[in-house]
């Protein structure tokens, strides 16, 4: 097992700590907003990035962050969100094909937009951000699916990401 697999997300001081509103959670929500705008909003990657600053300000209001917290976490949220967004577009065709292969019953274009973009974000995180523990990436995607998706989104996202992680030997096969 590699160092990546044995790291724990909730080490206390890290930005992926136990608080629901940590910088990485918010960064994932920011990336999700950008991916959703690019995909469902029809803006494409360039259009979504052009509106990134405005999107982040809207999210700050949604999160009801006070100005001091915004100043403290803004750069971290922005950086992590953009890293995820860019990671997806590094190999979007491969990620989309992989999601399509693993979602036997659902064609990518027939999935709810939120589920599709959560999967894209999480798959990009699993593939391109080795500093994030596998379990943290999957668990955070499932939590976002439960918050923003349908009642079945959490199970759906967990199933696809779990299948990917097992196929790529990122996690051990279940006994």
N, C-alpha and C. Protein backbone atom coordinates (compact mmCIF):
# COMPACT_ATOMS: atom_id res chain seq x y z
N UNK A 1 0.85 -1.18 0.00
CA UNK A 1 0.00 0.00 0.00
C UNK A 1 0.89 1.24 0.00
N UNK A 2 0.59 2.20 -0.87
CA UNK A 2 1.41 3.39 -0.98
C UNK A 2 1.10 4.37 0.15
N UNK A 3 1.98 5.38 0.28
CA UNK A 3 1.76 6.42 1.29
C UNK A 3 0.42 7.11 1.07
N UNK A 4 0.03 7.27 -0.17
CA UNK A 4 -1.22 7.95 -0.48
C UNK A 4 -2.40 7.22 0.15
N UNK A 5 -2.39 5.92 0.13
CA UNK A 5 -3.51 5.14 0.62
C UNK A 5 -3.57 5.12 2.14
N UNK A 6 -2.47 5.37 2.80
CA UNK A 6 -2.46 5.26 4.25
C UNK A 6 -2.63 6.61 4.95
N UNK A 7 -2.66 7.70 4.20
CA UNK A 7 -2.84 9.01 4.82
C UNK A 7 -4.28 9.14 5.30
N UNK A 8 -4.45 9.90 6.34
CA UNK A 8 -5.79 10.15 6.86
C UNK A 8 -6.14 11.60 6.62
N UNK A 9 -7.37 11.82 6.13
CA UNK A 9 -7.82 13.17 5.82
C UNK A 9 -8.00 14.01 7.08
N UNK A 10 -8.44 13.40 8.15
CA UNK A 10 -8.79 14.18 9.32
C UNK A 10 -7.67 14.28 10.33
N UNK A 11 -6.53 14.73 9.92
CA UNK A 11 -5.39 14.81 10.81
C UNK A 11 -5.43 16.01 11.74
N UNK A 12 -6.49 16.79 11.67
CA UNK A 12 -6.63 17.91 12.59
C UNK A 12 -6.20 19.22 11.97
N UNK A 13 -4.92 19.36 11.68
CA UNK A 13 -4.42 20.63 11.18
C UNK A 13 -4.61 20.80 9.69
N UNK A 14 -4.84 19.70 8.97
CA UNK A 14 -4.97 19.76 7.52
C UNK A 14 -6.22 20.48 7.08
N UNK A 15 -6.24 20.90 5.82
CA UNK A 15 -7.40 21.61 5.32
C UNK A 15 -8.52 20.68 4.93
N UNK A 16 -8.31 19.39 5.01
CA UNK A 16 -9.38 18.44 4.75
C UNK A 16 -9.93 17.89 6.08
N UNK A 17 -9.73 18.60 7.16
CA UNK A 17 -10.14 18.17 8.49
C UNK A 17 -11.61 17.87 8.61
N UNK A 18 -12.04 17.55 9.80
CA UNK A 18 -13.39 17.06 10.04
C UNK A 18 -14.47 18.11 9.84
N UNK A 19 -14.15 19.37 9.87
CA UNK A 19 -15.21 20.38 9.74
C UNK A 19 -15.84 20.31 8.37
N UNK A 20 -17.16 20.40 8.35
CA UNK A 20 -17.92 20.30 7.12
C UNK A 20 -17.51 21.39 6.14
N UNK A 21 -17.05 22.51 6.65
CA UNK A 21 -16.77 23.64 5.79
C UNK A 21 -15.32 23.90 5.54
N UNK A 22 -14.47 22.88 5.56
CA UNK A 22 -13.04 23.07 5.32
C UNK A 22 -12.76 23.62 3.94
N UNK A 23 -11.55 24.14 3.76
CA UNK A 23 -11.17 24.77 2.50
C UNK A 23 -11.25 23.79 1.32
N UNK A 24 -10.87 22.55 1.53
CA UNK A 24 -10.95 21.60 0.41
C UNK A 24 -12.39 21.27 0.05
N UNK A 25 -13.26 21.12 1.04
CA UNK A 25 -14.69 20.90 0.74
C UNK A 25 -15.23 22.06 -0.09
N UNK A 26 -14.90 23.26 0.34
CA UNK A 26 -15.36 24.44 -0.38
C UNK A 26 -14.70 24.52 -1.76
N UNK A 27 -13.45 24.13 -1.85
CA UNK A 27 -12.77 24.09 -3.15
C UNK A 27 -13.44 23.11 -4.10
N UNK A 28 -13.90 21.99 -3.56
CA UNK A 28 -14.62 21.02 -4.39
C UNK A 28 -15.95 21.60 -4.86
N UNK A 29 -16.63 22.31 -3.99
CA UNK A 29 -17.89 22.94 -4.38
C UNK A 29 -17.63 23.99 -5.46
N UNK A 30 -16.54 24.72 -5.34
CA UNK A 30 -16.16 25.71 -6.33
C UNK A 30 -15.87 25.03 -7.67
N UNK A 31 -15.09 23.96 -7.64
CA UNK A 31 -14.79 23.21 -8.88
C UNK A 31 -16.08 22.68 -9.49
N UNK A 32 -16.97 22.15 -8.66
CA UNK A 32 -18.24 21.63 -9.14
C UNK A 32 -19.05 22.73 -9.82
N UNK A 33 -19.08 23.92 -9.23
CA UNK A 33 -19.80 25.04 -9.84
C UNK A 33 -19.20 25.38 -11.20
N UNK A 34 -17.88 25.39 -11.30
CA UNK A 34 -17.23 25.70 -12.58
C UNK A 34 -17.52 24.62 -13.62
N UNK A 35 -17.41 23.36 -13.22
CA UNK A 35 -17.69 22.27 -14.15
C UNK A 35 -19.15 22.30 -14.61
N UNK A 36 -20.05 22.58 -13.69
CA UNK A 36 -21.47 22.65 -14.02
C UNK A 36 -21.73 23.78 -15.02
N UNK A 37 -21.11 24.95 -14.79
CA UNK A 37 -21.27 26.07 -15.71
C UNK A 37 -20.70 25.73 -17.09
N UNK A 38 -19.55 25.07 -17.10
CA UNK A 38 -18.94 24.71 -18.37
C UNK A 38 -19.80 23.72 -19.14
N UNK A 39 -20.39 22.77 -18.44
CA UNK A 39 -21.15 21.68 -19.05
C UNK A 39 -22.62 22.07 -19.27
N UNK A 40 -23.36 22.16 -18.20
CA UNK A 40 -24.80 22.40 -18.28
C UNK A 40 -25.10 23.83 -18.72
N UNK A 41 -24.28 24.77 -18.25
CA UNK A 41 -24.46 26.16 -18.65
C UNK A 41 -23.98 26.45 -20.06
N UNK A 42 -23.28 25.49 -20.67
CA UNK A 42 -22.83 25.64 -22.04
C UNK A 42 -21.71 26.65 -22.23
N UNK A 43 -21.01 27.02 -21.18
CA UNK A 43 -19.97 28.03 -21.29
C UNK A 43 -18.63 27.47 -21.76
N UNK A 44 -18.43 26.17 -21.65
CA UNK A 44 -17.13 25.59 -21.94
C UNK A 44 -16.14 25.97 -20.86
N UNK A 45 -14.95 25.39 -20.96
CA UNK A 45 -13.93 25.62 -19.93
C UNK A 45 -13.54 27.09 -19.84
N UNK A 46 -13.31 27.73 -20.97
CA UNK A 46 -12.88 29.13 -20.97
C UNK A 46 -13.92 30.06 -20.38
N UNK A 47 -15.17 29.86 -20.75
CA UNK A 47 -16.24 30.71 -20.22
C UNK A 47 -16.42 30.54 -18.73
N UNK A 48 -16.32 29.30 -18.26
CA UNK A 48 -16.47 29.04 -16.83
C UNK A 48 -15.34 29.70 -16.04
N UNK A 49 -14.12 29.61 -16.54
CA UNK A 49 -12.98 30.23 -15.85
C UNK A 49 -13.10 31.75 -15.86
N UNK A 50 -13.62 32.31 -16.95
CA UNK A 50 -13.79 33.76 -17.00
C UNK A 50 -14.76 34.23 -15.92
N UNK A 51 -15.72 33.40 -15.56
CA UNK A 51 -16.68 33.75 -14.52
C UNK A 51 -16.32 33.21 -13.15
N UNK A 52 -15.12 32.69 -12.98
CA UNK A 52 -14.72 32.03 -11.74
C UNK A 52 -14.76 32.97 -10.53
N UNK A 53 -14.24 34.17 -10.67
CA UNK A 53 -14.21 35.10 -9.53
C UNK A 53 -15.63 35.42 -9.06
N UNK A 54 -16.52 35.68 -9.99
CA UNK A 54 -17.91 35.96 -9.64
C UNK A 54 -18.57 34.74 -9.00
N UNK A 55 -18.28 33.56 -9.52
CA UNK A 55 -18.83 32.32 -8.95
C UNK A 55 -18.36 32.13 -7.51
N UNK A 56 -17.09 32.40 -7.26
CA UNK A 56 -16.57 32.24 -5.92
C UNK A 56 -17.23 33.23 -4.96
N UNK A 57 -17.45 34.44 -5.41
CA UNK A 57 -18.15 35.42 -4.56
C UNK A 57 -19.57 34.97 -4.25
N UNK A 58 -20.25 34.40 -5.23
CA UNK A 58 -21.60 33.89 -4.99
C UNK A 58 -21.58 32.74 -3.99
N UNK A 59 -20.57 31.88 -4.08
CA UNK A 59 -20.45 30.78 -3.13
C UNK A 59 -20.16 31.30 -1.72
N UNK A 60 -19.33 32.32 -1.61
CA UNK A 60 -19.08 32.90 -0.28
C UNK A 60 -20.39 33.34 0.36
N UNK A 61 -21.26 33.97 -0.43
CA UNK A 61 -22.57 34.38 0.10
C UNK A 61 -23.40 33.16 0.47
N UNK A 62 -23.38 32.14 -0.38
CA UNK A 62 -24.13 30.91 -0.12
C UNK A 62 -23.65 30.24 1.17
N UNK A 63 -22.34 30.23 1.37
CA UNK A 63 -21.77 29.62 2.56
C UNK A 63 -21.90 30.52 3.79
N UNK A 64 -22.33 31.75 3.59
CA UNK A 64 -22.47 32.74 4.65
C UNK A 64 -21.15 32.93 5.41
N UNK A 65 -20.08 33.05 4.63
CA UNK A 65 -18.76 33.24 5.22
C UNK A 65 -18.57 34.70 5.60
N UNK A 66 -18.07 34.92 6.79
CA UNK A 66 -17.78 36.29 7.19
C UNK A 66 -16.51 36.76 6.48
N UNK A 67 -16.33 38.07 6.36
CA UNK A 67 -15.17 38.60 5.62
C UNK A 67 -13.82 38.10 6.10
N UNK A 68 -13.66 37.93 7.40
CA UNK A 68 -12.36 37.45 7.92
C UNK A 68 -12.09 36.02 7.45
N UNK A 69 -13.10 35.18 7.47
CA UNK A 69 -12.94 33.80 7.01
C UNK A 69 -12.69 33.77 5.50
N UNK A 70 -13.38 34.63 4.77
CA UNK A 70 -13.15 34.72 3.33
C UNK A 70 -11.69 35.06 3.03
N UNK A 71 -11.17 36.07 3.72
CA UNK A 71 -9.77 36.47 3.51
C UNK A 71 -8.82 35.32 3.85
N UNK A 72 -9.13 34.62 4.92
CA UNK A 72 -8.26 33.54 5.39
C UNK A 72 -8.24 32.35 4.42
N UNK A 73 -9.41 31.98 3.87
CA UNK A 73 -9.52 30.75 3.08
C UNK A 73 -9.63 30.96 1.58
N UNK A 74 -9.83 32.18 1.13
CA UNK A 74 -10.10 32.45 -0.27
C UNK A 74 -9.05 31.86 -1.22
N UNK A 75 -7.79 32.13 -0.96
CA UNK A 75 -6.73 31.65 -1.87
C UNK A 75 -6.69 30.12 -1.91
N UNK A 76 -6.87 29.50 -0.75
CA UNK A 76 -6.84 28.03 -0.68
C UNK A 76 -8.02 27.40 -1.43
N UNK A 77 -9.20 27.98 -1.24
CA UNK A 77 -10.40 27.48 -1.92
C UNK A 77 -10.25 27.65 -3.42
N UNK A 78 -9.83 28.85 -3.83
CA UNK A 78 -9.65 29.15 -5.25
C UNK A 78 -8.62 28.23 -5.89
N UNK A 79 -7.49 28.06 -5.23
CA UNK A 79 -6.42 27.22 -5.76
C UNK A 79 -6.86 25.77 -5.92
N UNK A 80 -7.47 25.21 -4.87
CA UNK A 80 -7.87 23.81 -4.94
C UNK A 80 -8.99 23.60 -5.96
N UNK A 81 -9.95 24.51 -6.00
CA UNK A 81 -11.03 24.40 -6.97
C UNK A 81 -10.54 24.46 -8.40
N UNK A 82 -9.64 25.38 -8.67
CA UNK A 82 -9.09 25.49 -10.03
C UNK A 82 -8.23 24.27 -10.38
N UNK A 83 -7.49 23.75 -9.39
CA UNK A 83 -6.69 22.54 -9.65
C UNK A 83 -7.60 21.38 -10.09
N UNK A 84 -8.72 21.22 -9.41
CA UNK A 84 -9.67 20.15 -9.77
C UNK A 84 -10.27 20.39 -11.15
N UNK A 85 -10.68 21.61 -11.39
CA UNK A 85 -11.27 21.98 -12.68
C UNK A 85 -10.29 21.69 -13.81
N UNK A 86 -9.06 22.16 -13.65
CA UNK A 86 -8.03 21.95 -14.68
C UNK A 86 -7.66 20.48 -14.81
N UNK A 87 -7.66 19.75 -13.70
CA UNK A 87 -7.34 18.32 -13.75
C UNK A 87 -8.35 17.57 -14.61
N UNK A 88 -9.61 17.94 -14.53
CA UNK A 88 -10.61 17.29 -15.39
C UNK A 88 -10.29 17.56 -16.85
N UNK A 89 -10.01 18.80 -17.19
CA UNK A 89 -9.78 19.13 -18.59
C UNK A 89 -8.44 18.63 -19.13
N UNK A 90 -7.54 18.15 -18.24
CA UNK A 90 -6.29 17.55 -18.70
C UNK A 90 -6.56 16.30 -19.54
N UNK A 91 -7.56 15.53 -19.14
CA UNK A 91 -7.91 14.34 -19.93
C UNK A 91 -9.41 14.06 -19.84
N UNK A 92 -10.18 15.07 -20.21
CA UNK A 92 -11.64 14.98 -20.14
C UNK A 92 -12.18 13.79 -20.92
N UNK A 93 -11.64 13.52 -22.09
CA UNK A 93 -12.15 12.42 -22.91
C UNK A 93 -11.95 11.08 -22.20
N UNK A 94 -10.81 10.89 -21.58
CA UNK A 94 -10.53 9.64 -20.86
C UNK A 94 -11.44 9.51 -19.64
N UNK A 95 -11.59 10.59 -18.90
CA UNK A 95 -12.45 10.57 -17.71
C UNK A 95 -13.89 10.28 -18.11
N UNK A 96 -14.38 10.97 -19.13
CA UNK A 96 -15.77 10.75 -19.56
C UNK A 96 -15.97 9.32 -20.06
N UNK A 97 -15.02 8.81 -20.82
CA UNK A 97 -15.13 7.43 -21.31
C UNK A 97 -15.13 6.43 -20.14
N UNK A 98 -14.29 6.69 -19.13
CA UNK A 98 -14.23 5.82 -17.97
C UNK A 98 -15.55 5.83 -17.20
N UNK A 99 -16.11 7.00 -16.98
CA UNK A 99 -17.41 7.11 -16.30
C UNK A 99 -18.47 6.37 -17.10
N UNK A 100 -18.46 6.56 -18.40
CA UNK A 100 -19.43 5.90 -19.28
C UNK A 100 -19.31 4.37 -19.18
N UNK A 101 -18.08 3.86 -19.17
CA UNK A 101 -17.85 2.41 -19.06
C UNK A 101 -18.36 1.86 -17.74
N UNK A 102 -18.15 2.61 -16.66
CA UNK A 102 -18.48 2.12 -15.33
C UNK A 102 -19.95 2.30 -14.95
N UNK A 103 -20.64 3.15 -15.66
CA UNK A 103 -22.06 3.39 -15.38
C UNK A 103 -22.89 2.61 -16.39
N UNK A 104 -22.91 1.33 -16.24
CA UNK A 104 -23.49 0.40 -17.21
C UNK A 104 -24.89 0.81 -17.68
N UNK A 105 -25.71 1.28 -16.79
CA UNK A 105 -27.10 1.58 -17.11
C UNK A 105 -27.31 3.00 -17.63
N UNK A 106 -26.33 3.87 -17.44
CA UNK A 106 -26.52 5.28 -17.75
C UNK A 106 -25.47 5.78 -18.73
N UNK A 107 -25.93 6.33 -19.84
CA UNK A 107 -25.02 7.02 -20.75
C UNK A 107 -24.67 8.36 -20.09
N UNK A 108 -23.46 8.82 -20.27
CA UNK A 108 -22.99 10.04 -19.63
C UNK A 108 -23.94 11.22 -19.90
N UNK A 109 -24.39 11.35 -21.14
CA UNK A 109 -25.24 12.50 -21.47
C UNK A 109 -26.67 12.37 -20.94
N UNK A 110 -27.04 11.20 -20.41
CA UNK A 110 -28.37 11.01 -19.82
C UNK A 110 -28.36 11.13 -18.30
N UNK A 111 -27.20 11.21 -17.71
CA UNK A 111 -27.09 11.37 -16.25
C UNK A 111 -27.53 12.77 -15.86
N UNK A 112 -28.06 12.90 -14.65
CA UNK A 112 -28.30 14.27 -14.16
C UNK A 112 -26.98 15.05 -14.20
N UNK A 113 -27.06 16.31 -14.61
CA UNK A 113 -25.86 17.13 -14.76
C UNK A 113 -25.02 17.21 -13.50
N UNK A 114 -25.66 17.26 -12.35
CA UNK A 114 -24.90 17.37 -11.10
C UNK A 114 -24.11 16.09 -10.84
N UNK A 115 -24.75 14.92 -11.06
CA UNK A 115 -24.05 13.65 -10.86
C UNK A 115 -22.87 13.53 -11.82
N UNK A 116 -23.11 13.86 -13.09
CA UNK A 116 -22.06 13.77 -14.11
C UNK A 116 -20.85 14.63 -13.72
N UNK A 117 -21.11 15.83 -13.24
CA UNK A 117 -20.00 16.73 -12.93
C UNK A 117 -19.34 16.42 -11.60
N UNK A 118 -20.07 15.86 -10.66
CA UNK A 118 -19.42 15.37 -9.43
C UNK A 118 -18.50 14.22 -9.77
N UNK A 119 -18.95 13.32 -10.63
CA UNK A 119 -18.11 12.19 -11.04
C UNK A 119 -16.86 12.69 -11.79
N UNK A 120 -17.04 13.65 -12.66
CA UNK A 120 -15.89 14.20 -13.39
C UNK A 120 -14.87 14.80 -12.43
N UNK A 121 -15.37 15.59 -11.47
CA UNK A 121 -14.49 16.23 -10.51
C UNK A 121 -13.75 15.18 -9.67
N UNK A 122 -14.48 14.21 -9.15
CA UNK A 122 -13.86 13.19 -8.29
C UNK A 122 -12.89 12.31 -9.07
N UNK A 123 -13.25 11.96 -10.28
CA UNK A 123 -12.36 11.13 -11.10
C UNK A 123 -11.07 11.90 -11.39
N UNK A 124 -11.19 13.19 -11.68
CA UNK A 124 -10.00 14.01 -11.91
C UNK A 124 -9.15 14.07 -10.64
N UNK A 125 -9.80 14.18 -9.50
CA UNK A 125 -9.08 14.21 -8.22
C UNK A 125 -8.34 12.89 -7.99
N UNK A 126 -9.01 11.78 -8.25
CA UNK A 126 -8.38 10.47 -8.06
C UNK A 126 -7.21 10.26 -9.02
N UNK A 127 -7.34 10.77 -10.23
CA UNK A 127 -6.32 10.55 -11.25
C UNK A 127 -5.14 11.52 -11.15
N UNK A 128 -5.39 12.76 -10.70
CA UNK A 128 -4.37 13.78 -10.86
C UNK A 128 -3.91 14.48 -9.58
N UNK A 129 -4.55 14.21 -8.46
CA UNK A 129 -4.15 14.89 -7.22
C UNK A 129 -3.71 13.85 -6.19
N UNK A 130 -2.48 13.36 -6.33
CA UNK A 130 -2.00 12.30 -5.45
C UNK A 130 -1.85 12.73 -3.98
N UNK A 131 -1.90 14.03 -3.72
CA UNK A 131 -1.79 14.49 -2.33
C UNK A 131 -3.10 14.32 -1.56
N UNK A 132 -4.17 13.94 -2.25
CA UNK A 132 -5.47 13.74 -1.60
C UNK A 132 -5.68 12.25 -1.36
N UNK A 133 -5.97 11.85 -0.15
CA UNK A 133 -6.25 10.43 0.11
C UNK A 133 -7.46 9.94 -0.70
N UNK A 134 -7.36 8.71 -1.19
CA UNK A 134 -8.42 8.12 -2.01
C UNK A 134 -9.77 8.19 -1.29
N UNK A 135 -9.80 7.77 -0.03
CA UNK A 135 -11.06 7.75 0.71
C UNK A 135 -11.64 9.15 0.87
N UNK A 136 -10.80 10.16 1.03
CA UNK A 136 -11.30 11.53 1.16
C UNK A 136 -11.95 11.99 -0.14
N UNK A 137 -11.31 11.71 -1.27
CA UNK A 137 -11.87 12.12 -2.56
C UNK A 137 -13.22 11.46 -2.79
N UNK A 138 -13.32 10.17 -2.52
CA UNK A 138 -14.58 9.46 -2.74
C UNK A 138 -15.64 9.93 -1.75
N UNK A 139 -15.30 10.00 -0.47
CA UNK A 139 -16.27 10.41 0.54
C UNK A 139 -16.79 11.82 0.29
N UNK A 140 -15.93 12.73 -0.08
CA UNK A 140 -16.35 14.10 -0.35
C UNK A 140 -17.27 14.17 -1.56
N UNK A 141 -16.99 13.39 -2.60
CA UNK A 141 -17.86 13.36 -3.77
C UNK A 141 -19.25 12.83 -3.40
N UNK A 142 -19.28 11.78 -2.59
CA UNK A 142 -20.55 11.21 -2.15
C UNK A 142 -21.34 12.24 -1.33
N UNK A 143 -20.65 12.95 -0.44
CA UNK A 143 -21.34 13.96 0.37
C UNK A 143 -21.90 15.07 -0.51
N UNK A 144 -21.15 15.52 -1.50
CA UNK A 144 -21.65 16.56 -2.40
C UNK A 144 -22.84 16.04 -3.21
N UNK A 145 -22.81 14.77 -3.60
CA UNK A 145 -23.93 14.18 -4.33
C UNK A 145 -25.18 14.14 -3.45
N UNK A 146 -25.00 13.85 -2.18
CA UNK A 146 -26.15 13.83 -1.26
C UNK A 146 -26.72 15.23 -1.06
N UNK A 147 -25.86 16.23 -1.04
CA UNK A 147 -26.31 17.61 -0.82
C UNK A 147 -26.99 18.17 -2.07
N UNK A 148 -26.37 17.99 -3.24
CA UNK A 148 -26.82 18.67 -4.45
C UNK A 148 -27.59 17.79 -5.42
N UNK A 149 -27.52 16.49 -5.26
CA UNK A 149 -28.14 15.59 -6.22
C UNK A 149 -29.51 15.10 -5.81
N UNK A 150 -29.91 14.02 -6.43
CA UNK A 150 -31.18 13.37 -6.15
C UNK A 150 -31.02 12.45 -4.94
N UNK A 151 -32.11 11.88 -4.43
CA UNK A 151 -31.98 10.95 -3.30
C UNK A 151 -31.07 9.75 -3.59
N UNK A 152 -30.92 9.36 -4.85
CA UNK A 152 -30.07 8.22 -5.21
C UNK A 152 -28.66 8.61 -5.63
N UNK A 153 -28.37 9.89 -5.71
CA UNK A 153 -27.08 10.34 -6.23
C UNK A 153 -25.89 9.86 -5.41
N UNK A 154 -26.00 9.87 -4.10
CA UNK A 154 -24.88 9.44 -3.25
C UNK A 154 -24.49 8.00 -3.53
N UNK A 155 -25.47 7.12 -3.61
CA UNK A 155 -25.19 5.70 -3.90
C UNK A 155 -24.61 5.53 -5.30
N UNK A 156 -25.17 6.25 -6.25
CA UNK A 156 -24.71 6.17 -7.63
C UNK A 156 -23.24 6.60 -7.74
N UNK A 157 -22.92 7.76 -7.19
CA UNK A 157 -21.56 8.28 -7.23
C UNK A 157 -20.60 7.34 -6.50
N UNK A 158 -21.00 6.85 -5.34
CA UNK A 158 -20.17 5.92 -4.59
C UNK A 158 -19.90 4.65 -5.39
N UNK A 159 -20.92 4.13 -6.05
CA UNK A 159 -20.75 2.90 -6.84
C UNK A 159 -19.77 3.08 -7.98
N UNK A 160 -19.89 4.17 -8.71
CA UNK A 160 -19.00 4.42 -9.85
C UNK A 160 -17.56 4.64 -9.37
N UNK A 161 -17.40 5.48 -8.37
CA UNK A 161 -16.04 5.77 -7.89
C UNK A 161 -15.41 4.57 -7.21
N UNK A 162 -16.21 3.80 -6.48
CA UNK A 162 -15.69 2.58 -5.86
C UNK A 162 -15.24 1.58 -6.90
N UNK A 163 -16.04 1.42 -7.96
CA UNK A 163 -15.67 0.50 -9.04
C UNK A 163 -14.37 0.96 -9.71
N UNK A 164 -14.24 2.26 -9.93
CA UNK A 164 -13.02 2.79 -10.53
C UNK A 164 -11.81 2.53 -9.62
N UNK A 165 -11.97 2.83 -8.34
CA UNK A 165 -10.87 2.66 -7.40
C UNK A 165 -10.43 1.21 -7.30
N UNK A 166 -11.40 0.29 -7.32
CA UNK A 166 -11.04 -1.14 -7.29
C UNK A 166 -10.37 -1.56 -8.59
N UNK A 167 -10.92 -1.12 -9.72
CA UNK A 167 -10.36 -1.49 -11.02
C UNK A 167 -8.92 -1.01 -11.16
N UNK A 168 -8.65 0.20 -10.67
CA UNK A 168 -7.30 0.77 -10.77
C UNK A 168 -6.41 0.37 -9.59
N UNK A 169 -6.95 -0.48 -8.71
CA UNK A 169 -6.23 -0.97 -7.53
C UNK A 169 -5.80 0.18 -6.61
N UNK A 170 -6.65 1.19 -6.51
CA UNK A 170 -6.42 2.29 -5.60
C UNK A 170 -6.88 1.92 -4.19
N UNK A 171 -7.83 0.98 -4.13
CA UNK A 171 -8.30 0.44 -2.85
C UNK A 171 -8.33 -1.07 -2.98
N UNK A 172 -8.32 -1.75 -1.86
CA UNK A 172 -8.33 -3.20 -1.86
C UNK A 172 -9.71 -3.72 -2.25
N UNK A 173 -9.72 -4.85 -2.91
CA UNK A 173 -10.99 -5.53 -3.24
C UNK A 173 -11.65 -5.94 -1.93
N UNK A 174 -12.98 -5.89 -1.93
CA UNK A 174 -13.73 -6.33 -0.76
C UNK A 174 -13.73 -7.84 -0.71
N UNK A 175 -13.69 -8.39 0.49
CA UNK A 175 -13.63 -9.84 0.66
C UNK A 175 -14.98 -10.48 0.39
